[in-house]
mmCIF file of all heavy atoms, coordinates in Angstrom:
data_MODEL
# 
_entry.id   MODEL 
# 
loop_
_atom_site.group_PDB 
_atom_site.id 
_atom_site.type_symbol 
_atom_site.label_atom_id 
_atom_site.label_alt_id 
_atom_site.label_comp_id 
_atom_site.label_asym_id 
_atom_site.label_entity_id 
_atom_site.label_seq_id 
_atom_site.pdbx_PDB_ins_code 
_atom_site.Cartn_x 
_atom_site.Cartn_y 
_atom_site.Cartn_z 
_atom_site.occupancy 
_atom_site.B_iso_or_equiv 
_atom_site.pdbx_formal_charge 
_atom_site.auth_seq_id 
_atom_site.auth_comp_id 
_atom_site.auth_asym_id 
_atom_site.auth_atom_id 
_atom_site.pdbx_PDB_model_num 
ATOM 1   N N   . VAL A 1 1  ? 0.848   -1.201  0.000   1.00 0.00 ? 1  VAL A N   1 
ATOM 2   C CA  . VAL A 1 1  ? 0.000   0.000   0.000   1.00 0.00 ? 1  VAL A CA  1 
ATOM 3   C C   . VAL A 1 1  ? 0.878   1.244   0.000   1.00 0.00 ? 1  VAL A C   1 
ATOM 4   O O   . VAL A 1 1  ? 0.661   2.178   -0.781  1.00 0.00 ? 1  VAL A O   1 
ATOM 5   C CB  . VAL A 1 1  ? -0.969  0.000   1.200   1.00 0.00 ? 1  VAL A CB  1 
ATOM 6   C CG1 . VAL A 1 1  ? -1.646  1.357   1.356   1.00 0.00 ? 1  VAL A CG1 1 
ATOM 7   C CG2 . VAL A 1 1  ? -2.004  -1.106  1.047   1.00 0.00 ? 1  VAL A CG2 1 
ATOM 8   N N   . ASP A 1 2  ? 1.890   1.263   0.865   1.00 0.00 ? 2  ASP A N   1 
ATOM 9   C CA  . ASP A 1 2  ? 2.787   2.420   0.937   1.00 0.00 ? 2  ASP A CA  1 
ATOM 10  C C   . ASP A 1 2  ? 3.500   2.655   -0.391  1.00 0.00 ? 2  ASP A C   1 
ATOM 11  O O   . ASP A 1 2  ? 3.663   3.802   -0.824  1.00 0.00 ? 2  ASP A O   1 
ATOM 12  C CB  . ASP A 1 2  ? 3.800   2.252   2.066   1.00 0.00 ? 2  ASP A CB  1 
ATOM 13  C CG  . ASP A 1 2  ? 3.165   2.353   3.448   1.00 0.00 ? 2  ASP A CG  1 
ATOM 14  O OD1 . ASP A 1 2  ? 2.037   2.898   3.557   1.00 0.00 ? 2  ASP A OD1 1 
ATOM 15  O OD2 . ASP A 1 2  ? 3.778   1.876   4.418   1.00 0.00 ? 2  ASP A OD2 1 
ATOM 16  N N   . LEU A 1 3  ? 3.922   1.574   -1.052  1.00 0.00 ? 3  LEU A N   1 
ATOM 17  C CA  . LEU A 1 3  ? 4.569   1.714   -2.354  1.00 0.00 ? 3  LEU A CA  1 
ATOM 18  C C   . LEU A 1 3  ? 3.619   2.327   -3.384  1.00 0.00 ? 3  LEU A C   1 
ATOM 19  O O   . LEU A 1 3  ? 4.022   3.204   -4.165  1.00 0.00 ? 3  LEU A O   1 
ATOM 20  C CB  . LEU A 1 3  ? 5.077   0.356   -2.852  1.00 0.00 ? 3  LEU A CB  1 
ATOM 21  C CG  . LEU A 1 3  ? 6.313   -0.192  -2.146  1.00 0.00 ? 3  LEU A CG  1 
ATOM 22  C CD1 . LEU A 1 3  ? 6.513   -1.670  -2.493  1.00 0.00 ? 3  LEU A CD1 1 
ATOM 23  C CD2 . LEU A 1 3  ? 7.538   0.623   -2.510  1.00 0.00 ? 3  LEU A CD2 1 
ATOM 24  N N   . LEU A 1 4  ? 2.376   1.884   -3.377  1.00 0.00 ? 4  LEU A N   1 
ATOM 25  C CA  . LEU A 1 4  ? 1.402   2.465   -4.302  1.00 0.00 ? 4  LEU A CA  1 
ATOM 26  C C   . LEU A 1 4  ? 1.176   3.942   -4.020  1.00 0.00 ? 4  LEU A C   1 
ATOM 27  O O   . LEU A 1 4  ? 1.103   4.754   -4.937  1.00 0.00 ? 4  LEU A O   1 
ATOM 28  C CB  . LEU A 1 4  ? 0.066   1.720   -4.228  1.00 0.00 ? 4  LEU A CB  1 
ATOM 29  C CG  . LEU A 1 4  ? 0.011   0.335   -4.865  1.00 0.00 ? 4  LEU A CG  1 
ATOM 30  C CD1 . LEU A 1 4  ? -1.370  -0.285  -4.663  1.00 0.00 ? 4  LEU A CD1 1 
ATOM 31  C CD2 . LEU A 1 4  ? 0.351   0.406   -6.344  1.00 0.00 ? 4  LEU A CD2 1 
ATOM 32  N N   . LEU A 1 5  ? 1.074   4.297   -2.741  1.00 0.00 ? 5  LEU A N   1 
ATOM 33  C CA  . LEU A 1 5  ? 0.836   5.694   -2.377  1.00 0.00 ? 5  LEU A CA  1 
ATOM 34  C C   . LEU A 1 5  ? 2.006   6.591   -2.763  1.00 0.00 ? 5  LEU A C   1 
ATOM 35  O O   . LEU A 1 5  ? 1.803   7.756   -3.113  1.00 0.00 ? 5  LEU A O   1 
ATOM 36  C CB  . LEU A 1 5  ? 0.552   5.810   -0.874  1.00 0.00 ? 5  LEU A CB  1 
ATOM 37  C CG  . LEU A 1 5  ? -0.756  5.166   -0.401  1.00 0.00 ? 5  LEU A CG  1 
ATOM 38  C CD1 . LEU A 1 5  ? -0.852  5.212   1.123   1.00 0.00 ? 5  LEU A CD1 1 
ATOM 39  C CD2 . LEU A 1 5  ? -1.960  5.829   -1.038  1.00 0.00 ? 5  LEU A CD2 1 
ATOM 40  N N   . GLU A 1 6  ? 3.224   6.044   -2.705  1.00 0.00 ? 6  GLU A N   1 
ATOM 41  C CA  . GLU A 1 6  ? 4.411   6.822   -3.081  1.00 0.00 ? 6  GLU A CA  1 
ATOM 42  C C   . GLU A 1 6  ? 4.489   7.063   -4.584  1.00 0.00 ? 6  GLU A C   1 
ATOM 43  O O   . GLU A 1 6  ? 5.061   8.053   -5.029  1.00 0.00 ? 6  GLU A O   1 
ATOM 44  C CB  . GLU A 1 6  ? 5.686   6.080   -2.654  1.00 0.00 ? 6  GLU A CB  1 
ATOM 45  C CG  . GLU A 1 6  ? 5.906   6.008   -1.169  1.00 0.00 ? 6  GLU A CG  1 
ATOM 46  C CD  . GLU A 1 6  ? 7.073   5.095   -0.804  1.00 0.00 ? 6  GLU A CD  1 
ATOM 47  O OE1 . GLU A 1 6  ? 7.814   4.641   -1.714  1.00 0.00 ? 6  GLU A OE1 1 
ATOM 48  O OE2 . GLU A 1 6  ? 7.221   4.821   0.394   1.00 0.00 ? 6  GLU A OE2 1 
ATOM 49  N N   . THR A 1 7  ? 3.916   6.156   -5.369  1.00 0.00 ? 7  THR A N   1 
ATOM 50  C CA  . THR A 1 7  ? 4.120   6.173   -6.809  1.00 0.00 ? 7  THR A CA  1 
ATOM 51  C C   . THR A 1 7  ? 2.905   6.635   -7.612  1.00 0.00 ? 7  THR A C   1 
ATOM 52  O O   . THR A 1 7  ? 3.055   7.247   -8.661  1.00 0.00 ? 7  THR A O   1 
ATOM 53  C CB  . THR A 1 7  ? 4.536   4.761   -7.287  1.00 0.00 ? 7  THR A CB  1 
ATOM 54  O OG1 . THR A 1 7  ? 5.669   4.355   -6.518  1.00 0.00 ? 7  THR A OG1 1 
ATOM 55  C CG2 . THR A 1 7  ? 4.901   4.755   -8.750  1.00 0.00 ? 7  THR A CG2 1 
ATOM 56  N N   . TYR A 1 8  ? 1.719   6.329   -7.111  1.00 0.00 ? 8  TYR A N   1 
ATOM 57  C CA  . TYR A 1 8  ? 0.498   6.612   -7.864  1.00 0.00 ? 8  TYR A CA  1 
ATOM 58  C C   . TYR A 1 8  ? -0.397  7.584   -7.105  1.00 0.00 ? 8  TYR A C   1 
ATOM 59  O O   . TYR A 1 8  ? -0.349  7.672   -5.882  1.00 0.00 ? 8  TYR A O   1 
ATOM 60  C CB  . TYR A 1 8  ? -0.282  5.313   -8.131  1.00 0.00 ? 8  TYR A CB  1 
ATOM 61  C CG  . TYR A 1 8  ? 0.468   4.334   -9.004  1.00 0.00 ? 8  TYR A CG  1 
ATOM 62  C CD1 . TYR A 1 8  ? 1.211   3.295   -8.436  1.00 0.00 ? 8  TYR A CD1 1 
ATOM 63  C CD2 . TYR A 1 8  ? 0.449   4.451   -10.383 1.00 0.00 ? 8  TYR A CD2 1 
ATOM 64  C CE1 . TYR A 1 8  ? 1.908   2.395   -9.235  1.00 0.00 ? 8  TYR A CE1 1 
ATOM 65  C CE2 . TYR A 1 8  ? 1.140   3.561   -11.194 1.00 0.00 ? 8  TYR A CE2 1 
ATOM 66  C CZ  . TYR A 1 8  ? 1.870   2.536   -10.607 1.00 0.00 ? 8  TYR A CZ  1 
ATOM 67  O OH  . TYR A 1 8  ? 2.557   1.659   -11.405 1.00 0.00 ? 8  TYR A OH  1 
ATOM 68  N N   . ASP A 1 9  ? -1.231  8.279   -7.842  1.00 0.00 ? 9  ASP A N   1 
ATOM 69  C CA  . ASP A 1 9  ? -2.201  9.196   -7.253  1.00 0.00 ? 9  ASP A CA  1 
ATOM 70  C C   . ASP A 1 9  ? -3.451  8.389   -6.894  1.00 0.00 ? 9  ASP A C   1 
ATOM 71  O O   . ASP A 1 9  ? -4.389  8.283   -7.695  1.00 0.00 ? 9  ASP A O   1 
ATOM 72  C CB  . ASP A 1 9  ? -2.531  10.312  -8.243  1.00 0.00 ? 9  ASP A CB  1 
ATOM 73  C CG  . ASP A 1 9  ? -3.485  11.336  -7.656  1.00 0.00 ? 9  ASP A CG  1 
ATOM 74  O OD1 . ASP A 1 9  ? -3.571  11.443  -6.420  1.00 0.00 ? 9  ASP A OD1 1 
ATOM 75  O OD2 . ASP A 1 9  ? -4.150  12.032  -8.452  1.00 0.00 ? 9  ASP A OD2 1 
ATOM 76  N N   . VAL A 1 10 ? -3.434  7.794   -5.714  1.00 0.00 ? 10 VAL A N   1 
ATOM 77  C CA  . VAL A 1 10 ? -4.508  6.924   -5.254  1.00 0.00 ? 10 VAL A CA  1 
ATOM 78  C C   . VAL A 1 10 ? -4.704  7.137   -3.758  1.00 0.00 ? 10 VAL A C   1 
ATOM 79  O O   . VAL A 1 10 ? -3.748  7.452   -3.042  1.00 0.00 ? 10 VAL A O   1 
ATOM 80  C CB  . VAL A 1 10 ? -4.190  5.442   -5.584  1.00 0.00 ? 10 VAL A CB  1 
ATOM 81  C CG1 . VAL A 1 10 ? -2.952  4.961   -4.862  1.00 0.00 ? 10 VAL A CG1 1 
ATOM 82  C CG2 . VAL A 1 10 ? -5.356  4.538   -5.296  1.00 0.00 ? 10 VAL A CG2 1 
ATOM 83  N N   . ASP A 1 11 ? -5.926  6.983   -3.276  1.00 0.00 ? 11 ASP A N   1 
ATOM 84  C CA  . ASP A 1 11 ? -6.155  7.124   -1.836  1.00 0.00 ? 11 ASP A CA  1 
ATOM 85  C C   . ASP A 1 11 ? -5.859  5.797   -1.137  1.00 0.00 ? 11 ASP A C   1 
ATOM 86  O O   . ASP A 1 11 ? -5.842  4.733   -1.768  1.00 0.00 ? 11 ASP A O   1 
ATOM 87  C CB  . ASP A 1 11 ? -7.600  7.582   -1.553  1.00 0.00 ? 11 ASP A CB  1 
ATOM 88  C CG  . ASP A 1 11 ? -8.622  6.589   -2.047  1.00 0.00 ? 11 ASP A CG  1 
ATOM 89  O OD1 . ASP A 1 11 ? -8.964  5.664   -1.277  1.00 0.00 ? 11 ASP A OD1 1 
ATOM 90  O OD2 . ASP A 1 11 ? -9.073  6.720   -3.203  1.00 0.00 ? 11 ASP A OD2 1 
ATOM 91  N N   . ARG A 1 12 ? -5.607  5.860   0.156   1.00 0.00 ? 12 ARG A N   1 
ATOM 92  C CA  . ARG A 1 12 ? -5.208  4.684   0.935   1.00 0.00 ? 12 ARG A CA  1 
ATOM 93  C C   . ARG A 1 12 ? -6.262  3.581   0.872   1.00 0.00 ? 12 ARG A C   1 
ATOM 94  O O   . ARG A 1 12 ? -5.927  2.406   0.738   1.00 0.00 ? 12 ARG A O   1 
ATOM 95  C CB  . ARG A 1 12 ? -4.901  5.069   2.385   1.00 0.00 ? 12 ARG A CB  1 
ATOM 96  C CG  . ARG A 1 12 ? -4.461  3.862   3.223   1.00 0.00 ? 12 ARG A CG  1 
ATOM 97  C CD  . ARG A 1 12 ? -3.914  4.258   4.579   1.00 0.00 ? 12 ARG A CD  1 
ATOM 98  N NE  . ARG A 1 12 ? -2.570  4.805   4.501   1.00 0.00 ? 12 ARG A NE  1 
ATOM 99  C CZ  . ARG A 1 12 ? -1.455  4.071   4.378   1.00 0.00 ? 12 ARG A CZ  1 
ATOM 100 N NH1 . ARG A 1 12 ? -1.534  2.768   4.306   1.00 0.00 ? 12 ARG A NH1 1 
ATOM 101 N NH2 . ARG A 1 12 ? -0.277  4.654   4.331   1.00 0.00 ? 12 ARG A NH2 1 
ATOM 102 N N   . GLU A 1 13 ? -7.526  3.935   0.960   1.00 0.00 ? 13 GLU A N   1 
ATOM 103 C CA  . GLU A 1 13 ? -8.591  2.922   0.960   1.00 0.00 ? 13 GLU A CA  1 
ATOM 104 C C   . GLU A 1 13 ? -8.598  2.120   -0.340  1.00 0.00 ? 13 GLU A C   1 
ATOM 105 O O   . GLU A 1 13 ? -8.685  0.893   -0.321  1.00 0.00 ? 13 GLU A O   1 
ATOM 106 C CB  . GLU A 1 13 ? -9.947  3.588   1.173   1.00 0.00 ? 13 GLU A CB  1 
ATOM 107 C CG  . GLU A 1 13 ? -11.098 2.614   1.239   1.00 0.00 ? 13 GLU A CG  1 
ATOM 108 C CD  . GLU A 1 13 ? -12.430 3.317   1.450   1.00 0.00 ? 13 GLU A CD  1 
ATOM 109 O OE1 . GLU A 1 13 ? -12.488 4.298   2.205   1.00 0.00 ? 13 GLU A OE1 1 
ATOM 110 O OE2 . GLU A 1 13 ? -13.408 2.862   0.833   1.00 0.00 ? 13 GLU A OE2 1 
ATOM 111 N N   . THR A 1 14 ? -8.496  2.809   -1.455  1.00 0.00 ? 14 THR A N   1 
ATOM 112 C CA  . THR A 1 14 ? -8.474  2.130   -2.757  1.00 0.00 ? 14 THR A CA  1 
ATOM 113 C C   . THR A 1 14 ? -7.226  1.275   -2.886  1.00 0.00 ? 14 THR A C   1 
ATOM 114 O O   . THR A 1 14 ? -7.291  0.118   -3.335  1.00 0.00 ? 14 THR A O   1 
ATOM 115 C CB  . THR A 1 14 ? -8.537  3.157   -3.906  1.00 0.00 ? 14 THR A CB  1 
ATOM 116 O OG1 . THR A 1 14 ? -9.735  3.916   -3.767  1.00 0.00 ? 14 THR A OG1 1 
ATOM 117 C CG2 . THR A 1 14 ? -8.504  2.487   -5.263  1.00 0.00 ? 14 THR A CG2 1 
ATOM 118 N N   . ALA A 1 15 ? -6.076  1.811   -2.495  1.00 0.00 ? 15 ALA A N   1 
ATOM 119 C CA  . ALA A 1 15 ? -4.824  1.058   -2.568  1.00 0.00 ? 15 ALA A CA  1 
ATOM 120 C C   . ALA A 1 15 ? -4.901  -0.199  -1.696  1.00 0.00 ? 15 ALA A C   1 
ATOM 121 O O   . ALA A 1 15 ? -4.488  -1.279  -2.127  1.00 0.00 ? 15 ALA A O   1 
ATOM 122 C CB  . ALA A 1 15 ? -3.651  1.936   -2.138  1.00 0.00 ? 15 ALA A CB  1 
ATOM 123 N N   . ALA A 1 16 ? -5.431  -0.073  -0.498  1.00 0.00 ? 16 ALA A N   1 
ATOM 124 C CA  . ALA A 1 16 ? -5.537  -1.217  0.416   1.00 0.00 ? 16 ALA A CA  1 
ATOM 125 C C   . ALA A 1 16 ? -6.458  -2.293  -0.156  1.00 0.00 ? 16 ALA A C   1 
ATOM 126 O O   . ALA A 1 16 ? -6.151  -3.491  -0.078  1.00 0.00 ? 16 ALA A O   1 
ATOM 127 C CB  . ALA A 1 16 ? -6.025  -0.754  1.781   1.00 0.00 ? 16 ALA A CB  1 
ATOM 128 N N   . ARG A 1 17 ? -7.562  -1.881  -0.737  1.00 0.00 ? 17 ARG A N   1 
ATOM 129 C CA  . ARG A 1 17 ? -8.497  -2.835  -1.331  1.00 0.00 ? 17 ARG A CA  1 
ATOM 130 C C   . ARG A 1 17 ? -7.834  -3.565  -2.509  1.00 0.00 ? 17 ARG A C   1 
ATOM 131 O O   . ARG A 1 17 ? -7.929  -4.790  -2.635  1.00 0.00 ? 17 ARG A O   1 
ATOM 132 C CB  . ARG A 1 17 ? -9.754  -2.112  -1.775  1.00 0.00 ? 17 ARG A CB  1 
ATOM 133 C CG  . ARG A 1 17 ? -10.848 -3.018  -2.288  1.00 0.00 ? 17 ARG A CG  1 
ATOM 134 C CD  . ARG A 1 17 ? -12.129 -2.295  -2.660  1.00 0.00 ? 17 ARG A CD  1 
ATOM 135 N NE  . ARG A 1 17 ? -11.893 -1.195  -3.595  1.00 0.00 ? 17 ARG A NE  1 
ATOM 136 C CZ  . ARG A 1 17 ? -12.066 0.103   -3.309  1.00 0.00 ? 17 ARG A CZ  1 
ATOM 137 N NH1 . ARG A 1 17 ? -12.492 0.477   -2.118  1.00 0.00 ? 17 ARG A NH1 1 
ATOM 138 N NH2 . ARG A 1 17 ? -11.826 1.028   -4.214  1.00 0.00 ? 17 ARG A NH2 1 
ATOM 139 N N   . ASP A 1 18 ? -7.141  -2.821  -3.358  1.00 0.00 ? 18 ASP A N   1 
ATOM 140 C CA  . ASP A 1 18 ? -6.480  -3.424  -4.512  1.00 0.00 ? 18 ASP A CA  1 
ATOM 141 C C   . ASP A 1 18 ? -5.342  -4.347  -4.089  1.00 0.00 ? 18 ASP A C   1 
ATOM 142 O O   . ASP A 1 18 ? -5.152  -5.421  -4.667  1.00 0.00 ? 18 ASP A O   1 
ATOM 143 C CB  . ASP A 1 18 ? -5.964  -2.344  -5.458  1.00 0.00 ? 18 ASP A CB  1 
ATOM 144 C CG  . ASP A 1 18 ? -7.086  -1.586  -6.159  1.00 0.00 ? 18 ASP A CG  1 
ATOM 145 O OD1 . ASP A 1 18 ? -8.258  -2.011  -6.070  1.00 0.00 ? 18 ASP A OD1 1 
ATOM 146 O OD2 . ASP A 1 18 ? -6.784  -0.543  -6.775  1.00 0.00 ? 18 ASP A OD2 1 
ATOM 147 N N   . VAL A 1 19 ? -4.587  -3.944  -3.090  1.00 0.00 ? 19 VAL A N   1 
ATOM 148 C CA  . VAL A 1 19 ? -3.477  -4.767  -2.599  1.00 0.00 ? 19 VAL A CA  1 
ATOM 149 C C   . VAL A 1 19 ? -4.001  -6.063  -1.983  1.00 0.00 ? 19 VAL A C   1 
ATOM 150 O O   . VAL A 1 19 ? -3.424  -7.136  -2.195  1.00 0.00 ? 19 VAL A O   1 
ATOM 151 C CB  . VAL A 1 19 ? -2.613  -3.977  -1.585  1.00 0.00 ? 19 VAL A CB  1 
ATOM 152 C CG1 . VAL A 1 19 ? -1.764  -4.900  -0.742  1.00 0.00 ? 19 VAL A CG1 1 
ATOM 153 C CG2 . VAL A 1 19 ? -1.744  -2.974  -2.327  1.00 0.00 ? 19 VAL A CG2 1 
ATOM 154 N N   . ALA A 1 20 ? -5.071  -5.990  -1.222  1.00 0.00 ? 20 ALA A N   1 
ATOM 155 C CA  . ALA A 1 20 ? -5.652  -7.201  -0.622  1.00 0.00 ? 20 ALA A CA  1 
ATOM 156 C C   . ALA A 1 20 ? -6.051  -8.194  -1.708  1.00 0.00 ? 20 ALA A C   1 
ATOM 157 O O   . ALA A 1 20 ? -5.780  -9.397  -1.608  1.00 0.00 ? 20 ALA A O   1 
ATOM 158 C CB  . ALA A 1 20 ? -6.841  -6.846  0.254   1.00 0.00 ? 20 ALA A CB  1 
ATOM 159 N N   . ALA A 1 21 ? -6.670  -7.692  -2.775  1.00 0.00 ? 21 ALA A N   1 
ATOM 160 C CA  . ALA A 1 21 ? -7.074  -8.560  -3.887  1.00 0.00 ? 21 ALA A CA  1 
ATOM 161 C C   . ALA A 1 21 ? -5.848  -9.134  -4.596  1.00 0.00 ? 21 ALA A C   1 
ATOM 162 O O   . ALA A 1 21 ? -5.817  -10.331 -4.929  1.00 0.00 ? 21 ALA A O   1 
ATOM 163 C CB  . ALA A 1 21 ? -7.943  -7.783  -4.867  1.00 0.00 ? 21 ALA A CB  1 
ATOM 164 N N   . LEU A 1 22 ? -4.839  -8.314  -4.818  1.00 0.00 ? 22 LEU A N   1 
ATOM 165 C CA  . LEU A 1 22 ? -3.620  -8.765  -5.482  1.00 0.00 ? 22 LEU A CA  1 
ATOM 166 C C   . LEU A 1 22 ? -2.915  -9.843  -4.669  1.00 0.00 ? 22 LEU A C   1 
ATOM 167 O O   . LEU A 1 22 ? -2.522  -10.885 -5.204  1.00 0.00 ? 22 LEU A O   1 
ATOM 168 C CB  . LEU A 1 22 ? -2.678  -7.584  -5.730  1.00 0.00 ? 22 LEU A CB  1 
ATOM 169 C CG  . LEU A 1 22 ? -1.349  -7.925  -6.398  1.00 0.00 ? 22 LEU A CG  1 
ATOM 170 C CD1 . LEU A 1 22 ? -1.564  -8.413  -7.825  1.00 0.00 ? 22 LEU A CD1 1 
ATOM 171 C CD2 . LEU A 1 22 ? -0.427  -6.708  -6.371  1.00 0.00 ? 22 LEU A CD2 1 
ATOM 172 N N   . CYS A 1 23 ? -2.769  -9.623  -3.378  1.00 0.00 ? 23 CYS A N   1 
ATOM 173 C CA  . CYS A 1 23 ? -2.100  -10.605 -2.520  1.00 0.00 ? 23 CYS A CA  1 
ATOM 174 C C   . CYS A 1 23 ? -2.866  -11.922 -2.487  1.00 0.00 ? 23 CYS A C   1 
ATOM 175 O O   . CYS A 1 23 ? -2.266  -12.996 -2.520  1.00 0.00 ? 23 CYS A O   1 
ATOM 176 C CB  . CYS A 1 23 ? -1.916  -10.051 -1.118  1.00 0.00 ? 23 CYS A CB  1 
ATOM 177 S SG  . CYS A 1 23 ? -0.652  -8.762  -1.015  1.00 0.00 ? 23 CYS A SG  1 
ATOM 178 N N   . ALA A 1 24 ? -4.175  -11.846 -2.442  1.00 0.00 ? 24 ALA A N   1 
ATOM 179 C CA  . ALA A 1 24 ? -4.995  -13.063 -2.465  1.00 0.00 ? 24 ALA A CA  1 
ATOM 180 C C   . ALA A 1 24 ? -4.771  -13.834 -3.765  1.00 0.00 ? 24 ALA A C   1 
ATOM 181 O O   . ALA A 1 24 ? -4.638  -15.064 -3.753  1.00 0.00 ? 24 ALA A O   1 
ATOM 182 C CB  . ALA A 1 24 ? -6.468  -12.705 -2.293  1.00 0.00 ? 24 ALA A CB  1 
ATOM 183 N N   . GLN A 1 25 ? -4.684  -13.116 -4.878  1.00 0.00 ? 25 GLN A N   1 
ATOM 184 C CA  . GLN A 1 25 ? -4.445  -13.766 -6.176  1.00 0.00 ? 25 GLN A CA  1 
ATOM 185 C C   . GLN A 1 25 ? -3.060  -14.395 -6.215  1.00 0.00 ? 25 GLN A C   1 
ATOM 186 O O   . GLN A 1 25 ? -2.899  -15.523 -6.685  1.00 0.00 ? 25 GLN A O   1 
ATOM 187 C CB  . GLN A 1 25 ? -4.594  -12.761 -7.313  1.00 0.00 ? 25 GLN A CB  1 
ATOM 188 C CG  . GLN A 1 25 ? -6.019  -12.344 -7.564  1.00 0.00 ? 25 GLN A CG  1 
ATOM 189 C CD  . GLN A 1 25 ? -6.114  -11.216 -8.594  1.00 0.00 ? 25 GLN A CD  1 
ATOM 190 O OE1 . GLN A 1 25 ? -5.125  -10.548 -8.902  1.00 0.00 ? 25 GLN A OE1 1 
ATOM 191 N NE2 . GLN A 1 25 ? -7.310  -11.011 -9.116  1.00 0.00 ? 25 GLN A NE2 1 
ATOM 192 N N   . TRP A 1 26 ? -2.043  -13.656 -5.748  1.00 0.00 ? 26 TRP A N   1 
ATOM 193 C CA  . TRP A 1 26 ? -0.684  -14.194 -5.746  1.00 0.00 ? 26 TRP A CA  1 
ATOM 194 C C   . TRP A 1 26 ? -0.596  -15.454 -4.906  1.00 0.00 ? 26 TRP A C   1 
ATOM 195 O O   . TRP A 1 26 ? 0.059   -16.431 -5.295  1.00 0.00 ? 26 TRP A O   1 
ATOM 196 C CB  . TRP A 1 26 ? 0.299   -13.150 -5.232  1.00 0.00 ? 26 TRP A CB  1 
ATOM 197 C CG  . TRP A 1 26 ? 0.627   -12.067 -6.225  1.00 0.00 ? 26 TRP A CG  1 
ATOM 198 C CD1 . TRP A 1 26 ? 0.183   -11.951 -7.493  1.00 0.00 ? 26 TRP A CD1 1 
ATOM 199 C CD2 . TRP A 1 26 ? 1.485   -10.946 -6.010  1.00 0.00 ? 26 TRP A CD2 1 
ATOM 200 N NE1 . TRP A 1 26 ? 0.707   -10.816 -8.093  1.00 0.00 ? 26 TRP A NE1 1 
ATOM 201 C CE2 . TRP A 1 26 ? 1.508   -10.188 -7.203  1.00 0.00 ? 26 TRP A CE2 1 
ATOM 202 C CE3 . TRP A 1 26 ? 2.219   -10.503 -4.926  1.00 0.00 ? 26 TRP A CE3 1 
ATOM 203 C CZ2 . TRP A 1 26 ? 2.260   -9.017  -7.337  1.00 0.00 ? 26 TRP A CZ2 1 
ATOM 204 C CZ3 . TRP A 1 26 ? 2.968   -9.343  -5.062  1.00 0.00 ? 26 TRP A CZ3 1 
ATOM 205 C CH2 . TRP A 1 26 ? 2.988   -8.618  -6.244  1.00 0.00 ? 26 TRP A CH2 1 
# 
């Protein structure tokens, strides 16, 4: 989440939701 926030224009809630889905897929 922190990496996404440093690099992309995204809010924490959206980043956290996307990261949770990505980690589950991985």
